[in-house]
Structures are given as C-alpha cells and as structure tokens.
Amino acid sequence: MGDDSRGVRRTGIGMMVLFWVLLLLLAGWWFRGVEQRRSHPNAELATAVFMDQKPVTLERNAQGHFVAPGEVDGKAVTFLIDTGATYVSLSRSLARTLQIEPGPEVMFTTANGRVSGNLTTLESVRLGGLTARQVPGSIHAGIGDDVVLLGMSFLGRFDIQIRGSQMIVGPPDA
C-alpha cells in the first residue's frame, strides 16, 4: 500500500468520525429541545405579544402541571398554576429578590403542613395578557425559590376551564 492510499484512507476515516460526531451532537440538541418542550410547553408566553385581557391557553407539562412564565410587580417569574392555593405564594428569598415587602406574620396550612409566613399585597400579577392589580399574596418557606404558586387570589378573578391537557384562563364573562 502506497503513501497516497494511506492518506486517502486516513482522510476517509476522519470524515466518517466527523460525520458521527456531528450526528450525535445534532441528535443531542434535538432531544434537548424535545425535553424542554415537554417540561415547559408554555415557554412562548414569555415572548408573545398579547392583547390585554384576552384568554390564555396553557398546556400541561410532562409532569401533568400547568407551568408558565409571567410577571409579579413587573418582574419575570415562573408560575406553577395551583387552583388549590388561596394566594399567589412565593418564597422568602424570591420575595427579597423582587423587593416585595412582607406584611403581617401568620400561619399557613399548606400541602406540606403548617408553616409560618407573611401576608403581602402584590401591586400587579400578569399571566399572558391577563393582569390583576392589588393581589393578595403570601411569602413563606416550603416553596421552590424560583417558582411562584399562582393561586386563587389571582385566578379567582378570571374564568378557568380545564379540558384534558389544556387550561384556558380568560376574563370573566360579562
């Protein structure tokens, strides 16, 4: 075998290795996107432009929850929609980050038991094009630092329909 044929063979092997590496990288990128869409199917709400007070349609994520981006007092947050929660609830550390002042200290009964916390009033809460002002809220431990439970103090101001894997939150019927 001559030097020319060895060089061609090495080039061919190198091209084949490069092809497989690129194919694996593309497959990983594609699967990562699929997993992100399964975990956060409503992520596009963060960049969508909405007409005020128009219905918002949410899809369940892979764990069966409704999770969506939104805003509290004009600052971006991630909501976990919780129709069983009385208040819009956030952790103490997130409240500090968002500069939300705690109000009176009270005891809350949560899904994880009784916890001490504070009541507060949120200037504004926004989900898609739906905005509510002066929303009662709670600040306490036991909530993930990066998630806000979107409870009935916000949701109760709107009509809610759940059908299969979708939740539609819209302005109340007149």
C-alpha atoms as a PDB file:
ATOM      1  CA  MET A   1       0.000   0.000   0.000  1.00  0.00           C
ATOM      2  CA  GLY A   2       1.408   3.324  -1.027  1.00  0.00           C
ATOM      3  CA  ASP A   3       1.540   6.567   0.934  1.00  0.00           C
ATOM      4  CA  ASP A   4      -1.224   8.036  -1.250  1.00  0.00           C
ATOM      5  CA  SER A   5      -3.689   5.248  -0.434  1.00  0.00           C
ATOM      6  CA  ARG A   6      -2.922   5.504   3.321  1.00  0.00           C
ATOM      7  CA  GLY A   7      -3.559   9.245   3.206  1.00  0.00           C
ATOM      8  CA  VAL A   8      -6.871   8.711   1.408  1.00  0.00           C
ATOM      9  CA  ARG A   9      -7.853   6.054   3.957  1.00  0.00           C
ATOM     10  CA  ARG A  10      -6.989   8.325   6.912  1.00  0.00           C
ATOM     11  CA  THR A  11      -8.988  11.152   5.342  1.00  0.00           C
ATOM     12  CA  GLY A  12     -11.947   8.805   4.837  1.00  0.00           C
ATOM     13  CA  ILE A  13     -11.813   7.598   8.439  1.00  0.00           C
ATOM     14  CA  GLY A  14     -11.509  11.184   9.668  1.00  0.00           C
ATOM     15  CA  MET A  15     -14.552  12.223   7.620  1.00  0.00           C
ATOM     16  CA  MET A  16     -16.551   9.269   8.967  1.00  0.00           C
ATOM     17  CA  VAL A  17     -15.629  10.140  12.574  1.00  0.00           C
ATOM     18  CA  LEU A  18     -16.538  13.787  11.949  1.00  0.00           C
ATOM     19  CA  PHE A  19     -19.891  12.713  10.463  1.00  0.00           C
ATOM     20  CA  TRP A  20     -20.771  10.585  13.517  1.00  0.00           C
ATOM     21  CA  VAL A  21     -19.688  13.278  15.973  1.00  0.00           C
ATOM     22  CA  LEU A  22     -21.844  15.866  14.179  1.00  0.00           C
ATOM     23  CA  LEU A  23     -24.764  13.430  14.004  1.00  0.00           C
ATOM     24  CA  LEU A  24     -24.552  12.738  17.760  1.00  0.00           C
ATOM     25  CA  LEU A  25     -24.337  16.463  18.534  1.00  0.00           C
ATOM     26  CA  LEU A  26     -27.400  17.198  16.389  1.00  0.00           C
ATOM     27  CA  ALA A  27     -29.343  14.324  17.974  1.00  0.00           C
ATOM     28  CA  GLY A  28     -28.473  15.597  21.461  1.00  0.00           C
ATOM     29  CA  TRP A  29     -29.540  19.116  20.545  1.00  0.00           C
ATOM     30  CA  TRP A  30     -32.832  17.827  19.111  1.00  0.00           C
ATOM     31  CA  PHE A  31     -33.612  15.635  22.156  1.00  0.00           C
ATOM     32  CA  ARG A  32     -32.795  18.515  24.489  1.00  0.00           C
ATOM     33  CA  GLY A  33     -35.341  20.680  22.657  1.00  0.00           C
ATOM     34  CA  VAL A  34     -37.965  17.929  22.868  1.00  0.00           C
ATOM     35  CA  GLU A  35     -37.384  17.566  26.625  1.00  0.00           C
ATOM     36  CA  GLN A  36     -37.569  21.330  27.167  1.00  0.00           C
ATOM     37  CA  ARG A  37     -40.882  21.499  25.281  1.00  0.00           C
ATOM     38  CA  ARG A  38     -42.219  18.638  27.428  1.00  0.00           C
ATOM     39  CA  SER A  39     -41.141  20.354  30.664  1.00  0.00           C
ATOM     40  CA  HIS A  40     -42.095  23.912  29.659  1.00  0.00           C
ATOM     41  CA  PRO A  41     -44.775  23.753  26.944  1.00  0.00           C
ATOM     42  CA  ASN A  42     -45.915  27.314  27.683  1.00  0.00           C
ATOM     43  CA  ALA A  43     -42.496  28.982  27.440  1.00  0.00           C
ATOM     44  CA  GLU A  44     -43.554  31.009  24.385  1.00  0.00           C
ATOM     45  CA  LEU A  45     -45.805  33.118  26.657  1.00  0.00           C
ATOM     46  CA  ALA A  46     -42.671  34.934  27.818  1.00  0.00           C
ATOM     47  CA  THR A  47     -42.065  36.425  24.373  1.00  0.00           C
ATOM     48  CA  ALA A  48     -45.583  36.521  22.935  1.00  0.00           C
ATOM     49  CA  VAL A  49     -47.404  39.812  22.483  1.00  0.00           C
ATOM     50  CA  PHE A  50     -50.920  39.763  23.934  1.00  0.00           C
ATOM     51  CA  MET A  51     -53.924  41.975  23.735  1.00  0.00           C
ATOM     52  CA  ASP A  52     -54.907  42.945  27.268  1.00  0.00           C
ATOM     53  CA  GLN A  53     -57.435  40.718  28.990  1.00  0.00           C
ATOM     54  CA  LYS A  54     -57.560  38.064  26.251  1.00  0.00           C
ATOM     55  CA  PRO A  55     -57.786  34.359  27.220  1.00  0.00           C
ATOM     56  CA  VAL A  56     -54.565  32.415  27.754  1.00  0.00           C
ATOM     57  CA  THR A  57     -54.390  28.721  26.816  1.00  0.00           C
ATOM     58  CA  LEU A  58     -51.891  26.639  28.786  1.00  0.00           C
ATOM     59  CA  GLU A  59     -50.699  23.084  28.111  1.00  0.00           C
ATOM     60  CA  ARG A  60     -49.799  20.571  30.840  1.00  0.00           C
ATOM     61  CA  ASN A  61     -46.122  19.726  31.079  1.00  0.00           C
ATOM     62  CA  ALA A  62     -44.713  16.187  31.147  1.00  0.00           C
ATOM     63  CA  GLN A  63     -45.334  16.001  34.920  1.00  0.00           C
ATOM     64  CA  GLY A  64     -49.009  16.986  34.468  1.00  0.00           C
ATOM     65  CA  HIS A  65     -48.649  20.533  35.824  1.00  0.00           C
ATOM     66  CA  PHE A  66     -49.516  23.860  34.266  1.00  0.00           C
ATOM     67  CA  VAL A  67     -46.306  25.937  34.344  1.00  0.00           C
ATOM     68  CA  ALA A  68     -45.983  29.284  32.590  1.00  0.00           C
ATOM     69  CA  PRO A  69     -43.856  32.422  32.561  1.00  0.00           C
ATOM     70  CA  GLY A  70     -45.418  35.576  33.940  1.00  0.00           C
ATOM     71  CA  GLU A  71     -44.727  38.695  35.956  1.00  0.00           C
ATOM     72  CA  VAL A  72     -45.078  39.815  39.557  1.00  0.00           C
ATOM     73  CA  ASP A  73     -44.751  43.553  40.091  1.00  0.00           C
ATOM     74  CA  GLY A  74     -43.307  43.871  36.579  1.00  0.00           C
ATOM     75  CA  LYS A  75     -40.549  41.298  37.121  1.00  0.00           C
ATOM     76  CA  ALA A  76     -40.343  37.979  35.236  1.00  0.00           C
ATOM     77  CA  VAL A  77     -41.177  34.817  37.205  1.00  0.00           C
ATOM     78  CA  THR A  78     -42.213  31.227  36.538  1.00  0.00           C
ATOM     79  CA  PHE A  79     -45.724  30.340  37.695  1.00  0.00           C
ATOM     80  CA  LEU A  80     -46.929  26.938  38.817  1.00  0.00           C
ATOM     81  CA  ILE A  81     -50.693  27.246  38.473  1.00  0.00           C
ATOM     82  CA  ASP A  82     -52.305  25.936  41.676  1.00  0.00           C
ATOM     83  CA  THR A  83     -56.090  26.143  41.898  1.00  0.00           C
ATOM     84  CA  GLY A  84     -55.824  24.686  45.429  1.00  0.00           C
ATOM     85  CA  ALA A  85     -53.720  27.598  46.708  1.00  0.00           C
ATOM     86  CA  THR A  86     -55.517  30.536  48.305  1.00  0.00           C
ATOM     87  CA  TYR A  87     -52.843  33.104  47.495  1.00  0.00           C
ATOM     88  CA  VAL A  88     -50.184  33.886  44.953  1.00  0.00           C
ATOM     89  CA  SER A  89     -47.326  32.462  47.014  1.00  0.00           C
ATOM     90  CA  LEU A  90     -43.579  32.904  46.816  1.00  0.00           C
ATOM     91  CA  SER A  91     -40.512  32.002  48.816  1.00  0.00           C
ATOM     92  CA  ARG A  92     -38.850  34.429  51.176  1.00  0.00           C
ATOM     93  CA  SER A  93     -35.715  34.584  49.025  1.00  0.00           C
ATOM     94  CA  LEU A  94     -37.690  35.326  45.846  1.00  0.00           C
ATOM     95  CA  ALA A  95     -39.702  37.995  47.696  1.00  0.00           C
ATOM     96  CA  ARG A  96     -36.402  39.655  48.728  1.00  0.00           C
ATOM     97  CA  THR A  97     -35.111  39.436  45.141  1.00  0.00           C
ATOM     98  CA  LEU A  98     -38.323  41.006  43.802  1.00  0.00           C
ATOM     99  CA  GLN A  99     -38.240  43.609  46.619  1.00  0.00           C
ATOM    100  CA  ILE A 100     -41.688  42.628  47.896  1.00  0.00           C
ATOM    101  CA  GLU A 101     -42.317  43.813  51.428  1.00  0.00           C
ATOM    102  CA  PRO A 102     -43.707  41.207  53.833  1.00  0.00           C
ATOM    103  CA  GLY A 103     -46.817  42.142  55.801  1.00  0.00           C
ATOM    104  CA  PRO A 104     -48.212  40.645  58.987  1.00  0.00           C
ATOM    105  CA  GLU A 105     -46.904  37.263  60.123  1.00  0.00           C
ATOM    106  CA  VAL A 106     -49.445  34.427  60.019  1.00  0.00           C
ATOM    107  CA  MET A 107     -49.596  30.620  59.991  1.00  0.00           C
ATOM    108  CA  PHE A 108     -50.464  28.906  56.686  1.00  0.00           C
ATOM    109  CA  THR A 109     -51.780  25.405  56.148  1.00  0.00           C
ATOM    110  CA  THR A 110     -50.109  24.072  53.022  1.00  0.00           C
ATOM    111  CA  ALA A 111     -49.945  20.721  51.266  1.00  0.00           C
ATOM    112  CA  ASN A 112     -46.721  20.178  53.247  1.00  0.00           C
ATOM    113  CA  GLY A 113     -48.237  21.076  56.625  1.00  0.00           C
ATOM    114  CA  ARG A 114     -48.372  24.269  58.679  1.00  0.00           C
ATOM    115  CA  VAL A 115     -45.759  26.938  58.026  1.00  0.00           C
ATOM    116  CA  SER A 116     -45.126  30.424  59.311  1.00  0.00           C
ATOM    117  CA  GLY A 117     -45.123  33.217  56.771  1.00  0.00           C
ATOM    118  CA  ASN A 118     -46.303  36.680  55.896  1.00  0.00           C
ATOM    119  CA  LEU A 119     -49.216  38.147  54.026  1.00  0.00           C
ATOM    120  CA  THR A 120     -48.455  40.768  51.396  1.00  0.00           C
ATOM    121  CA  THR A 121     -50.143  42.669  48.598  1.00  0.00           C
ATOM    122  CA  LEU A 122     -48.685  42.364  45.110  1.00  0.00           C
ATOM    123  CA  GLU A 123     -49.020  45.513  43.012  1.00  0.00           C
ATOM    124  CA  SER A 124     -49.609  43.526  39.813  1.00  0.00           C
ATOM    125  CA  VAL A 125     -49.660  39.937  38.608  1.00  0.00           C
ATOM    126  CA  ARG A 126     -49.605  39.107  34.911  1.00  0.00           C
ATOM    127  CA  LEU A 127     -50.171  35.856  33.009  1.00  0.00           C
ATOM    128  CA  GLY A 128     -50.078  36.389  29.246  1.00  0.00           C
ATOM    129  CA  GLY A 129     -52.420  39.306  28.569  1.00  0.00           C
ATOM    130  CA  LEU A 130     -54.286  38.888  31.873  1.00  0.00           C
ATOM    131  CA  THR A 131     -53.335  41.383  34.555  1.00  0.00           C
ATOM    132  CA  ALA A 132     -54.699  41.861  38.070  1.00  0.00           C
ATOM    133  CA  ARG A 133     -53.772  44.646  40.467  1.00  0.00           C
ATOM    134  CA  GLN A 134     -53.551  44.668  44.250  1.00  0.00           C
ATOM    135  CA  VAL A 135     -53.436  40.876  44.502  1.00  0.00           C
ATOM    136  CA  PRO A 136     -53.262  39.287  47.976  1.00  0.00           C
ATOM    137  CA  GLY A 137     -50.149  37.160  48.311  1.00  0.00           C
ATOM    138  CA  SER A 138     -48.156  35.110  50.770  1.00  0.00           C
ATOM    139  CA  ILE A 139     -44.467  34.729  51.499  1.00  0.00           C
ATOM    140  CA  HIS A 140     -43.237  31.578  53.247  1.00  0.00           C
ATOM    141  CA  ALA A 141     -40.810  28.690  53.269  1.00  0.00           C
ATOM    142  CA  GLY A 142     -41.593  25.411  51.564  1.00  0.00           C
ATOM    143  CA  ILE A 143     -41.864  26.825  48.059  1.00  0.00           C
ATOM    144  CA  GLY A 144     -39.130  26.448  45.473  1.00  0.00           C
ATOM    145  CA  ASP A 145     -37.020  29.582  45.276  1.00  0.00           C
ATOM    146  CA  ASP A 146     -37.589  30.002  41.548  1.00  0.00           C
ATOM    147  CA  VAL A 147     -41.327  29.225  41.305  1.00  0.00           C
ATOM    148  CA  VAL A 148     -44.395  31.284  42.240  1.00  0.00           C
ATOM    149  CA  LEU A 149     -47.604  29.408  43.042  1.00  0.00           C
ATOM    150  CA  LEU A 150     -50.331  31.176  41.100  1.00  0.00           C
ATOM    151  CA  GLY A 151     -53.267  30.726  43.442  1.00  0.00           C
ATOM    152  CA  MET A 152     -56.896  31.768  43.589  1.00  0.00           C
ATOM    153  CA  SER A 153     -56.226  35.342  44.740  1.00  0.00           C
ATOM    154  CA  PHE A 154     -55.286  35.862  41.060  1.00  0.00           C
ATOM    155  CA  LEU A 155     -57.104  33.004  39.295  1.00  0.00           C
ATOM    156  CA  GLY A 156     -60.402  33.726  41.083  1.00  0.00           C
ATOM    157  CA  ARG A 157     -60.680  36.996  39.160  1.00  0.00           C
ATOM    158  CA  PHE A 158     -60.907  35.082  35.866  1.00  0.00           C
ATOM    159  CA  ASP A 159     -62.844  32.241  34.273  1.00  0.00           C
ATOM    160  CA  ILE A 160     -60.960  28.943  34.292  1.00  0.00           C
ATOM    161  CA  GLN A 161     -61.723  25.939  32.091  1.00  0.00           C
ATOM    162  CA  ILE A 162     -59.757  22.711  32.173  1.00  0.00           C
ATOM    163  CA  ARG A 163     -60.260  20.284  29.320  1.00  0.00           C
ATOM    164  CA  GLY A 164     -57.895  17.354  29.004  1.00  0.00           C
ATOM    165  CA  SER A 165     -54.352  18.685  28.824  1.00  0.00           C
ATOM    166  CA  GLN A 166     -55.376  22.348  28.441  1.00  0.00           C
ATOM    167  CA  MET A 167     -56.327  25.115  30.839  1.00  0.00           C
ATOM    168  CA  ILE A 168     -57.941  28.262  29.474  1.00  0.00           C
ATOM    169  CA  VAL A 169     -57.807  31.312  31.731  1.00  0.00           C
ATOM    170  CA  GLY A 170     -59.834  34.263  30.483  1.00  0.00           C
ATOM    171  CA  PRO A 171     -61.646  37.381  31.575  1.00  0.00           C
ATOM    172  CA  PRO A 172     -64.889  36.786  33.459  1.00  0.00           C
ATOM    173  CA  ASP A 173     -67.998  36.582  31.329  1.00  0.00           C
ATOM    174  CA  ALA A 174     -69.962  39.796  31.449  1.00  0.00           C
END
